[in-house]
Amino acid sequence: MLPFKQSEDALKDKRRLKWACRRGMLELDVLFEPFVEQAYDELSEEDKAIFRRLVTCDDPDLFAWFMGHKECPDAELTKMIDFMLSRVKV
């Protein structure tokens, strides 16, 4: 869990974004860290902003959304979650 909530604007710096992607929950770390390393730079500016917004969400919500235990109420975030999950499936 992040020691403090970072704003989306603060996460425009890729070093801060990488740090924010270290969630401390293995299930989220294996999704966020490789994604930011391998795919973030290829996203459109709009999708980068959506990803940064996703990173600011609370870990319990992220876990529930990514594991399919709960539906994310935000359509843009849901689209990003689906995209991230499609990149890790074999």
Protein backbone atom coordinates (compact mmCIF):
# COMPACT_ATOMS: atom_id res chain seq x y z
CA MET A 1 0.00 0.00 0.00
CA LEU A 2 1.28 3.47 -0.79
CA PRO A 3 2.45 5.40 2.27
CA PHE A 4 0.55 8.42 0.99
CA LYS A 5 -1.81 9.07 -1.87
CA GLN A 6 -0.09 10.51 -4.92
CA SER A 7 -1.94 12.74 -7.32
CA GLU A 8 -2.24 11.82 -10.97
CA ASP A 9 -0.15 14.90 -11.88
CA ALA A 10 2.71 13.75 -9.63
CA LEU A 11 2.69 10.43 -11.46
CA LYS A 12 3.55 12.06 -14.79
CA ASP A 13 7.15 11.62 -13.72
CA LYS A 14 7.91 8.04 -14.72
CA ARG A 15 10.17 7.43 -11.71
CA ARG A 16 7.31 8.29 -9.37
CA LEU A 17 4.93 6.21 -11.44
CA LYS A 18 7.23 3.19 -11.19
CA TRP A 19 7.43 3.66 -7.43
CA ALA A 20 3.61 3.95 -7.18
CA CYS A 21 3.27 0.69 -9.12
CA ARG A 22 5.08 -1.15 -6.32
CA ARG A 23 1.93 -2.03 -4.44
CA GLY A 24 3.22 -4.47 -1.83
CA MET A 25 0.62 -7.03 -2.86
CA LEU A 26 2.14 -9.70 -5.10
CA GLU A 27 -1.02 -10.11 -7.21
CA LEU A 28 -0.94 -6.40 -8.09
CA ASP A 29 2.83 -6.11 -8.38
CA VAL A 30 2.96 -8.78 -11.10
CA LEU A 31 0.43 -6.75 -13.09
CA PHE A 32 1.53 -3.16 -12.55
CA GLU A 33 5.32 -3.31 -12.55
CA PRO A 34 5.77 -5.20 -15.85
CA PHE A 35 3.01 -3.14 -17.47
CA VAL A 36 4.64 0.18 -16.67
CA GLU A 37 8.01 -1.14 -17.88
CA GLN A 38 6.78 -2.78 -21.09
CA ALA A 39 3.64 -0.99 -22.24
CA TYR A 40 3.17 2.40 -20.60
CA ASP A 41 5.33 4.36 -23.06
CA GLU A 42 3.29 3.02 -25.99
CA LEU A 43 -0.04 4.26 -24.59
CA SER A 44 -1.76 7.35 -25.94
CA GLU A 45 -1.65 10.41 -23.66
CA GLU A 46 -5.32 9.78 -22.83
CA ASP A 47 -4.62 6.17 -21.86
CA LYS A 48 -1.58 7.22 -19.82
CA ALA A 49 -3.84 9.56 -17.84
CA ILE A 50 -6.33 6.71 -17.29
CA PHE A 51 -3.51 4.42 -16.12
CA ARG A 52 -2.22 7.07 -13.71
CA ARG A 53 -5.74 7.46 -12.35
CA LEU A 54 -5.94 3.68 -11.90
CA VAL A 55 -2.68 3.69 -9.94
CA THR A 56 -4.18 6.16 -7.44
CA CYS A 57 -6.97 3.72 -6.52
CA ASP A 58 -6.87 1.79 -3.26
CA ASP A 59 -5.29 -1.67 -3.24
CA PRO A 60 -8.41 -3.53 -2.00
CA ASP A 61 -10.43 -2.07 -4.88
CA LEU A 62 -7.71 -2.84 -7.42
CA PHE A 63 -7.40 -6.40 -6.16
CA ALA A 64 -11.18 -6.95 -6.36
CA TRP A 65 -11.39 -5.47 -9.87
CA PHE A 66 -8.41 -7.36 -11.30
CA MET A 67 -9.43 -10.66 -9.74
CA GLY A 68 -13.02 -10.26 -10.93
CA HIS A 69 -14.51 -10.22 -7.44
CA LYS A 70 -16.10 -6.83 -7.99
CA GLU A 71 -16.93 -4.73 -11.04
CA CYS A 72 -15.17 -1.41 -11.38
CA PRO A 73 -17.76 1.41 -11.54
CA ASP A 74 -15.67 3.47 -13.98
CA ALA A 75 -15.81 2.47 -17.66
CA GLU A 76 -12.40 3.98 -18.52
CA LEU A 77 -10.70 2.19 -15.66
CA THR A 78 -12.47 -1.05 -16.62
CA LYS A 79 -11.12 -0.72 -20.16
CA MET A 80 -7.58 -0.24 -18.81
CA ILE A 81 -7.94 -3.20 -16.44
CA ASP A 82 -9.11 -5.41 -19.31
CA PHE A 83 -6.20 -4.21 -21.46
CA MET A 84 -3.67 -4.94 -18.71
CA LEU A 85 -5.14 -8.39 -18.09
CA SER A 86 -5.02 -9.20 -21.81
CA ARG A 87 -1.27 -8.47 -21.82
CA VAL A 88 -0.50 -10.98 -19.08
CA LYS A 89 -2.58 -13.89 -20.36
CA VAL A 90 -0.67 -16.57 -22.19
